[in-house]
Protein backbone atom coordinates (compact mmCIF):
# COMPACT_ATOMS: atom_id res chain seq x y z
CA MET A 1 0.04 0.02 -0.04
CA LYS A 2 2.89 2.40 0.89
CA VAL A 3 4.56 1.64 -2.44
CA ALA A 4 1.36 2.41 -4.35
CA ILE A 5 1.03 5.73 -2.44
CA ASN A 6 4.66 6.76 -3.11
CA ALA A 7 4.14 5.85 -6.80
CA LEU A 8 1.02 8.00 -6.87
CA HIS A 9 3.07 10.88 -5.37
CA ASP A 10 5.91 10.39 -7.84
CA ALA A 11 3.39 10.42 -10.80
CA HIS A 12 2.30 13.88 -9.69
CA GLY A 13 5.81 15.02 -9.14
CA ALA A 14 5.32 15.43 -5.37
CA ASP A 15 7.44 14.52 -2.46
CA PRO A 16 6.49 11.18 -0.74
CA GLY A 17 5.94 13.07 2.43
CA THR A 18 3.37 15.39 0.91
CA PRO A 19 -0.18 14.88 2.20
CA ARG A 20 -2.61 13.18 -0.16
CA ALA A 21 -5.01 16.12 0.15
CA ALA A 22 -2.25 18.37 -1.28
CA LEU A 23 -2.04 16.55 -4.61
CA PRO A 24 -3.26 18.48 -7.64
CA ARG A 25 -6.73 17.62 -8.66
CA ALA A 26 -7.80 16.70 -12.18
CA PRO A 27 -9.44 19.42 -14.23
CA LEU A 28 -13.21 19.80 -13.85
CA THR A 29 -13.89 18.98 -17.46
CA GLN A 30 -11.84 15.73 -17.14
CA ARG A 31 -13.68 14.61 -13.98
CA TRP A 32 -17.16 15.24 -15.49
CA ARG A 33 -16.23 13.82 -18.94
CA GLY A 34 -18.20 10.56 -18.34
CA SER A 35 -21.22 12.22 -16.62
CA ARG A 36 -23.09 12.79 -19.96
CA ASN A 37 -23.68 8.98 -20.06
CA LEU A 38 -25.76 9.38 -16.83
CA LEU A 39 -27.97 11.93 -18.46
CA PRO A 40 -30.72 9.47 -19.59
CA ALA A 41 -30.84 7.91 -16.18
CA LEU A 42 -30.90 11.25 -14.35
CA LEU A 43 -33.72 12.43 -16.73
CA PHE A 44 -35.76 9.29 -15.99
CA LEU A 45 -35.29 9.66 -12.13
CA GLY A 46 -36.18 13.26 -12.35
CA LEU A 47 -39.35 12.73 -14.31
CA PHE A 48 -40.66 9.59 -12.62
CA PHE A 49 -39.34 9.88 -9.13
CA PHE A 50 -38.19 13.41 -8.06
CA ALA A 51 -41.01 15.30 -9.73
CA PRO A 52 -43.77 13.26 -7.98
CA LEU A 53 -41.93 13.44 -4.77
CA ILE A 54 -41.61 17.19 -5.02
CA GLY A 55 -45.29 17.46 -5.90
CA LEU A 56 -46.16 15.31 -2.87
CA LEU A 57 -44.19 17.60 -0.53
CA LEU A 58 -45.74 20.70 -2.01
CA ARG A 59 -49.26 19.39 -1.52
CA GLY A 60 -48.45 18.76 2.10
CA VAL A 61 -47.60 22.36 2.68
CA LEU A 62 -50.01 24.02 0.23
CA GLU A 63 -53.32 22.31 0.71
CA PRO A 64 -55.90 23.33 1.81
CA GLU A 65 -53.88 26.47 2.66
CA PRO A 66 -50.18 27.26 2.69
CA GLY A 67 -48.34 26.37 5.94
CA LEU A 68 -47.44 23.46 8.13
CA GLY A 69 -51.04 22.99 9.38
CA ASN A 70 -51.24 19.39 7.98
CA TYR A 71 -48.13 18.28 9.88
CA GLN A 72 -49.32 20.06 13.03
CA GLN A 73 -52.59 18.27 12.77
CA LEU A 74 -50.96 14.91 12.22
CA PHE A 75 -49.00 15.17 15.51
CA ALA A 76 -51.55 17.16 17.63
CA ASN A 77 -54.68 15.02 16.91
CA SER A 78 -54.79 12.11 19.29
CA ALA A 79 -56.36 9.84 16.60
CA TYR A 80 -53.66 10.60 14.12
CA ALA A 81 -50.96 10.28 16.75
CA ARG A 82 -52.29 6.82 17.63
CA VAL A 83 -51.95 5.85 13.92
CA LEU A 84 -48.25 6.86 14.10
CA LEU A 85 -47.71 4.84 17.33
CA ASN A 86 -49.48 1.72 15.83
CA THR A 87 -47.28 1.94 12.70
CA PHE A 88 -44.05 2.10 14.66
CA SER A 89 -45.21 -0.40 17.17
CA VAL A 90 -46.21 -2.99 14.61
CA ALA A 91 -43.07 -2.43 12.50
CA GLY A 92 -40.82 -2.88 15.55
CA LEU A 93 -42.71 -6.02 16.71
CA VAL A 94 -42.62 -7.54 13.24
CA THR A 95 -38.96 -6.80 12.95
CA PHE A 96 -38.22 -8.45 16.30
CA ILE A 97 -40.33 -11.61 15.53
CA SER A 98 -38.78 -11.91 12.03
CA VAL A 99 -35.19 -11.70 13.40
CA LEU A 100 -36.13 -14.21 16.16
CA LEU A 101 -37.48 -16.78 13.70
CA GLY A 102 -35.30 -15.88 10.66
CA PHE A 103 -31.97 -16.13 12.40
CA PRO A 104 -32.29 -19.91 13.24
CA LEU A 105 -33.79 -20.58 9.76
CA ALA A 106 -30.86 -19.00 8.08
CA TRP A 107 -28.43 -20.83 10.40
CA ALA A 108 -30.04 -24.14 9.45
CA ILE A 109 -29.86 -23.42 5.77
CA THR A 110 -26.14 -22.70 6.20
CA LEU A 111 -25.38 -25.72 8.34
CA VAL A 112 -27.37 -28.58 6.90
CA PRO A 113 -25.84 -30.55 4.04
CA ARG A 114 -25.87 -28.62 0.77
CA GLY A 115 -28.77 -30.49 -0.86
CA TRP A 116 -31.09 -29.97 2.11
CA GLY A 117 -29.99 -26.43 2.42
CA ARG A 118 -30.92 -25.72 -1.15
CA TRP A 119 -34.30 -27.25 -0.63
CA LEU A 120 -34.94 -25.02 2.47
CA LEU A 121 -33.74 -21.91 0.55
CA ASN A 122 -36.06 -22.80 -2.34
CA ILE A 123 -38.96 -23.12 0.07
CA VAL A 124 -38.15 -19.58 1.47
CA LEU A 125 -37.95 -18.27 -2.08
CA LEU A 126 -41.16 -19.89 -3.08
CA SER A 127 -42.99 -18.08 -0.19
CA MET A 128 -41.69 -14.81 -1.63
CA TRP A 129 -42.89 -15.60 -5.09
CA THR A 130 -46.43 -16.47 -4.02
CA SER A 131 -49.03 -13.75 -4.39
CA LEU A 132 -49.07 -11.51 -1.44
CA LEU A 133 -52.93 -11.34 -1.62
CA ALA A 134 -53.27 -15.14 -1.62
CA ARG A 135 -50.90 -15.56 1.36
CA THR A 136 -52.73 -12.88 3.33
CA TYR A 137 -56.04 -14.47 2.60
CA SER A 138 -54.74 -17.79 3.67
CA TRP A 139 -53.80 -16.39 7.04
CA LEU A 140 -57.34 -14.83 7.18
CA VAL A 141 -58.88 -18.40 6.76
CA LEU A 142 -56.40 -19.97 9.22
CA LEU A 143 -56.83 -17.42 11.98
CA GLN A 144 -60.54 -16.81 11.97
CA GLY A 145 -62.83 -18.19 14.71
CA SER A 146 -63.78 -21.29 12.73
CA GLY A 147 -60.31 -21.60 11.25
CA VAL A 148 -57.91 -24.53 11.45
CA ILE A 149 -55.88 -23.12 14.28
CA ASN A 150 -58.76 -22.46 16.68
CA LYS A 151 -60.27 -25.86 15.76
CA ALA A 152 -57.00 -27.57 16.54
CA LEU A 153 -56.50 -25.74 19.77
CA MET A 154 -59.96 -26.57 20.92
CA ALA A 155 -59.65 -30.14 19.94
CA LEU A 156 -56.49 -30.48 22.00
CA GLY A 157 -58.25 -28.95 24.97
CA ILE A 158 -55.85 -25.98 25.10
CA ILE A 159 -58.72 -23.37 24.80
CA ASP A 160 -62.41 -23.58 25.41
CA ALA A 161 -63.55 -20.78 23.08
CA PRO A 162 -62.11 -19.54 19.77
CA LEU A 163 -59.37 -16.90 20.08
CA GLU A 164 -59.78 -13.57 18.25
CA MET A 165 -56.81 -13.53 15.92
CA VAL A 166 -58.08 -11.61 12.96
CA HIS A 167 -59.14 -7.94 12.69
CA ASN A 168 -56.82 -6.98 15.52
CA LEU A 169 -53.10 -6.44 16.24
CA THR A 170 -52.53 -10.23 16.66
CA GLY A 171 -53.50 -11.05 13.01
CA VAL A 172 -51.48 -8.19 11.55
CA VAL A 173 -48.23 -9.15 13.39
CA ILE A 174 -48.65 -12.89 12.48
CA GLY A 175 -49.37 -12.17 8.83
CA MET A 176 -46.67 -9.53 8.38
CA SER A 177 -44.05 -11.61 10.28
CA TYR A 178 -44.64 -14.53 7.99
CA ILE A 179 -44.25 -12.37 4.87
CA MET A 180 -41.15 -10.52 6.19
CA ILE A 181 -39.17 -13.57 7.39
CA PRO A 182 -37.64 -14.17 3.87
CA PHE A 183 -36.24 -10.61 3.82
CA ILE A 184 -34.21 -11.37 7.02
CA VAL A 185 -33.26 -14.97 5.97
CA LEU A 186 -31.60 -14.06 2.62
CA PRO A 187 -29.04 -11.44 3.67
CA LEU A 188 -28.36 -13.50 6.86
CA GLN A 189 -27.88 -16.67 5.11
CA ALA A 190 -25.47 -15.02 2.54
CA THR A 191 -23.54 -13.40 5.42
CA MET A 192 -23.31 -16.72 7.36
CA GLN A 193 -22.20 -18.67 4.24
CA ALA A 194 -19.27 -16.21 3.80
CA ILE A 195 -17.87 -16.82 7.33
CA ASP A 196 -14.82 -18.90 7.42
CA PRO A 197 -15.40 -21.96 9.69
CA MET A 198 -11.71 -21.69 10.70
CA VAL A 199 -12.53 -18.51 12.55
CA LEU A 200 -14.98 -20.30 14.81
CA GLN A 201 -12.54 -23.22 15.21
CA ALA A 202 -9.86 -20.70 16.17
CA GLY A 203 -12.00 -19.42 18.92
CA SER A 204 -12.62 -22.97 20.33
CA ILE A 205 -8.86 -23.68 20.25
CA CYS A 206 -8.35 -20.56 22.23
CA GLY A 207 -10.48 -21.93 25.01
CA ALA A 208 -13.86 -20.24 24.17
CA ARG A 209 -16.93 -22.24 25.25
CA PRO A 210 -19.57 -22.86 22.50
CA TRP A 211 -22.00 -20.24 23.89
CA THR A 212 -19.18 -17.71 24.10
CA ASN A 213 -17.86 -18.57 20.81
CA PHE A 214 -21.42 -17.99 19.42
CA TRP A 215 -22.03 -14.65 21.07
CA ARG A 216 -18.48 -13.15 20.80
CA VAL A 217 -17.30 -14.45 17.50
CA PHE A 218 -20.28 -15.69 15.36
CA ILE A 219 -22.75 -12.88 16.16
CA PRO A 220 -20.37 -10.13 15.48
CA LEU A 221 -19.44 -11.61 12.16
CA CYS A 222 -23.21 -11.77 11.19
CA ARG A 223 -23.82 -8.09 12.15
CA SER A 224 -23.92 -6.67 8.59
CA GLY A 225 -26.47 -9.16 7.38
CA LEU A 226 -28.44 -8.96 10.59
CA PHE A 227 -28.57 -5.17 10.50
CA SER A 228 -29.34 -4.84 6.80
CA GLY A 229 -32.08 -7.46 6.98
CA ALA A 230 -33.63 -5.95 10.12
CA LEU A 231 -33.61 -2.43 8.60
CA MET A 232 -35.20 -3.80 5.38
CA VAL A 233 -37.93 -5.49 7.32
CA PHE A 234 -38.64 -2.39 9.48
CA VAL A 235 -38.77 -0.07 6.60
CA MET A 236 -41.01 -2.35 4.56
CA SER A 237 -43.29 -2.91 7.56
CA LEU A 238 -43.72 0.84 7.88
CA GLY A 239 -45.15 1.12 4.31
CA TYR A 240 -47.20 -2.23 4.16
CA TYR A 241 -50.87 -1.89 3.21
CA VAL A 242 -52.48 -5.12 1.96
CA THR A 243 -51.84 -7.38 5.11
CA PRO A 244 -52.89 -4.63 7.75
CA ALA A 245 -55.94 -3.78 5.74
CA LEU A 246 -57.17 -7.48 5.54
CA LEU A 247 -55.98 -8.80 8.91
CA GLY A 248 -56.21 -5.59 11.01
CA GLY A 249 -59.06 -3.58 12.41
CA ALA A 250 -60.03 0.10 12.70
CA GLN A 251 -58.46 0.40 16.11
CA ASN A 252 -55.04 -0.78 14.75
CA MET A 253 -54.88 1.36 11.61
CA MET A 254 -51.42 1.96 10.22
CA LEU A 255 -50.06 4.86 8.31
CA PRO A 256 -50.56 3.46 4.71
CA GLU A 257 -54.17 2.60 5.55
CA PHE A 258 -54.55 6.14 6.91
CA ILE A 259 -53.21 7.66 3.77
CA ILE A 260 -55.53 5.55 1.56
CA GLN A 261 -58.47 6.51 3.77
CA GLN A 262 -57.75 10.21 3.54
CA VAL A 263 -57.46 10.15 -0.28
CA GLN A 264 -60.36 7.79 -1.14
CA SER A 265 -62.94 8.65 1.60
CA PHE A 266 -62.22 12.21 2.59
CA LEU A 267 -60.35 13.73 -0.47
CA ASN A 268 -57.96 15.25 2.01
CA TRP A 269 -54.85 15.36 -0.26
CA GLY A 270 -52.96 17.72 1.99
CA LEU A 271 -53.07 15.59 5.12
CA ALA A 272 -52.49 12.36 3.12
CA SER A 273 -49.46 14.06 1.43
CA ALA A 274 -48.06 15.17 4.78
CA ALA A 275 -48.27 11.59 6.06
CA ALA A 276 -46.69 10.22 2.96
CA ALA A 277 -43.83 12.74 3.17
CA LEU A 278 -43.28 11.71 6.83
CA LEU A 279 -43.03 8.20 5.75
CA VAL A 280 -40.46 9.05 3.08
CA ALA A 281 -38.53 11.11 5.53
CA ILE A 282 -38.36 8.31 8.08
CA THR A 283 -37.18 5.96 5.31
CA LEU A 284 -34.44 8.25 4.23
CA VAL A 285 -33.23 8.89 7.82
CA LEU A 286 -33.14 5.14 8.46
CA PHE A 287 -31.26 4.53 5.32
CA TYR A 288 -28.65 7.23 6.17
CA LEU A 289 -28.18 5.67 9.67
CA TYR A 290 -27.64 2.25 7.91
CA LEU A 291 -24.98 3.73 5.75
CA LYS A 292 -23.38 5.60 8.67
CA LEU A 293 -23.29 2.50 10.95
CA GLN A 294 -21.94 0.13 8.31
CA PRO A 295 -18.07 -0.05 8.80
CA GLU A 296 -17.47 -0.62 5.06
CA SER A 297 -19.77 2.32 3.99
CA PRO A 298 -18.18 5.45 2.40
CA VAL A 299 -20.66 7.54 4.42
CA GLY A 300 -19.54 5.89 7.68
CA ASN A 301 -15.90 6.41 6.77
CA ALA A 302 -16.17 10.05 5.69
CA ARG A 303 -14.38 12.69 7.57
């Protein structure tokens, strides 16, 4: 590395002790020579992404009258504040359950013989490729009062009366956790598969007990996949609509349902735009934090 840095200094005619920041920079025209190839992509993003996003932000502050009244109403009204609380509560709970169930599944896919691991991975992928609406309706059938789950529990004598597991928070969390598990399994399994088994063996040779080796060696090595998968699940849970709409109830309304209701039922585009802009802002903040906390990220390493 030092040889390469010295060669770079020599190429610019500078002393090897000269700081890298003091090296002459390439001309502006040379640095932007290849940027014209990005023009079609930038135009596409500007037309189909940034323009609607700017329109959304403007509606949130211009309708029905200019100002931040929509945002103030969103946080001041107790009913709207409950929607925000439900959204973050459900997203956090779904993320926790998905990690709790997805981690051992990803571990099993990594540890079992290759043929069995491939079958398990294909089953996970198959659940992702199945229609979201069909999967949600299947949970609606399974969780209802006369569904298979309640009938099985009553037949075993565990319960005397059917449990209410649909049109409430329970149904939403169960349905969304099932849908989100593949999004935690895939990055985790890829991270686990890349871990060199010799590292864990070295920990054992150095005297670490299996549990200590797991927590102090294996878990830190899985951190990138665990963090990226959990963040993906949390952000997707914040914006999910179909599953909460079918399995949830009016008392457990989430932000996407609230936005649809304001547009379709009340034609309140200003408040709906403010709620959507809040959702976009939360997503951008979480994505920035993800980049900041990742050790290999250029954002995290920036000075």
